[in-house]
Each structure stands twice: as C-alpha cells, then as structure tokens.
Protein backbone atom coordinates (compact mmCIF):
# COMPACT_ATOMS: atom_id res chain seq x y z
CA UNK A 1 -0.16 -0.21 -0.06
CA UNK A 2 2.99 2.60 0.64
CA UNK A 3 5.03 1.59 -2.79
CA UNK A 4 1.16 2.52 -4.46
CA UNK A 5 0.82 5.33 -2.73
CA UNK A 6 4.89 6.99 -3.52
CA UNK A 7 3.66 6.24 -6.50
CA UNK A 8 0.62 7.85 -6.47
CA UNK A 9 2.37 10.76 -5.40
CA UNK A 10 5.21 10.59 -7.77
CA UNK A 11 2.68 10.87 -10.68
CA UNK A 12 0.64 14.02 -9.28
CA UNK A 13 3.95 15.82 -8.95
CA UNK A 14 4.91 14.69 -12.80
CA UNK A 15 1.47 16.37 -14.30
CA UNK A 16 1.63 19.67 -11.32
CA UNK A 17 5.07 19.98 -13.32
CA UNK A 18 3.99 19.73 -17.08
CA UNK A 19 1.27 21.55 -16.23
CA UNK A 20 3.19 24.63 -16.06
CA UNK A 21 5.55 23.91 -18.99
CA UNK A 22 4.10 26.18 -21.43
CA UNK A 23 4.54 26.74 -25.18
CA UNK A 24 5.47 29.37 -27.27
CA UNK A 25 5.88 29.39 -31.77
CA UNK A 26 7.57 32.39 -33.52
CA UNK A 27 10.54 33.40 -35.58
CA UNK A 28 13.79 34.31 -34.34
CA UNK A 29 14.36 37.57 -34.31
CA UNK A 30 18.02 37.71 -32.16
CA UNK A 31 19.74 35.99 -29.76
CA UNK A 32 21.00 37.91 -26.80
CA UNK A 33 24.61 36.65 -26.08
CA UNK A 34 24.29 37.97 -22.19
CA UNK A 35 22.79 36.25 -20.48
CA UNK A 36 21.91 33.82 -23.43
CA UNK A 37 18.70 34.36 -24.73
CA UNK A 38 15.96 33.81 -27.81
CA UNK A 39 13.56 36.81 -28.84
CA UNK A 40 11.10 35.86 -31.43
CA UNK A 41 9.72 38.78 -33.37
CA UNK A 42 6.33 39.03 -31.08
CA UNK A 43 9.43 40.23 -28.01
CA UNK A 44 8.80 37.87 -26.21
CA UNK A 45 12.57 36.14 -24.71
CA UNK A 46 13.97 33.20 -23.21
CA UNK A 47 16.64 32.45 -21.37
CA UNK A 48 18.63 29.54 -22.46
CA UNK A 49 20.57 27.50 -19.67
CA UNK A 50 23.81 26.17 -20.59
CA UNK A 51 21.59 22.45 -21.30
CA UNK A 52 20.55 24.07 -24.28
CA UNK A 53 22.91 26.78 -25.07
CA UNK A 54 23.79 24.07 -28.73
CA UNK A 55 20.91 24.70 -29.82
CA UNK A 56 21.22 25.15 -33.70
CA UNK A 57 18.52 28.04 -34.91
CA UNK A 58 19.23 31.38 -36.31
CA UNK A 59 17.18 34.70 -36.89
CA UNK A 60 14.25 34.35 -38.91
CA UNK A 61 13.80 30.07 -38.20
CA UNK A 62 10.63 29.14 -36.74
CA UNK A 63 10.96 28.31 -33.36
CA UNK A 64 8.77 26.09 -31.18
CA UNK A 65 9.68 27.47 -27.66
CA UNK A 66 8.56 24.75 -24.56
CA UNK A 67 9.10 27.29 -21.19
CA UNK A 68 8.62 27.70 -17.55
CA UNK A 69 8.63 30.79 -15.87
CA UNK A 70 11.33 31.84 -13.53
CA UNK A 71 10.36 34.17 -11.83
CA UNK A 72 9.87 37.45 -14.00
CA UNK A 73 12.10 35.47 -16.45
CA UNK A 74 10.94 32.80 -19.55
CA UNK A 75 13.56 29.49 -19.25
CA UNK A 76 13.39 27.66 -22.59
CA UNK A 77 13.32 23.55 -21.67
CA UNK A 78 13.06 23.19 -25.50
CA UNK A 79 13.82 24.45 -28.21
CA UNK A 80 12.65 22.97 -31.75
CA UNK A 81 12.77 24.04 -35.39
CA UNK A 82 9.88 24.11 -37.18
CA UNK A 83 8.95 24.07 -41.05
CA UNK A 84 7.17 26.58 -42.50
CA UNK A 85 4.20 24.04 -43.28
CA UNK A 86 3.92 23.66 -39.58
CA UNK A 87 3.40 27.40 -38.97
CA UNK A 88 0.14 28.53 -37.78
C-alpha cells in the first residue's frame, strides 16, 4: 500500500510540473549573449540555460519554445526548429 501511495504521489507531482510548462511559437528575431536569450518577433524573450546553449537555430527560423516561468523570466526547457508547413 505504501508503494502505491508513493507512486501515486510521484505521478501527481509529474502532472503538476508538466502543467506549468508553456509553449510559444514564432520566428527568431535575435539572440542575446549576456545573459543567453532567444527573442522571437513577438518580443517574447526566453533565457537559454547552459544545457540548451548549443541549440542550432538562427534568426529567421520558426521555432517552438517550451518554457517555464522562473519569477519574471521565461526559461526555455526545449527549443525545436519548425518547418514553414507547421506555422499557424
């Protein structure tokens, strides 16, 4: 019974952290170097942590950015390049 309760608790916590992630899609306007950030044409800015620093996207690319709020900052957790066929 204790194992079931622990498993259920872990499952609920994983759902709550996934629910906090948000996603934005747009064209890359520019990169900022200090701190490392990606800005899309809508003006949204996403801090890029060291683990994502080598993401291969360039200005003009369409990207999907999964992010989480860290106080007043949006911190990218995943950056995916999209093709124009996926643009909304």
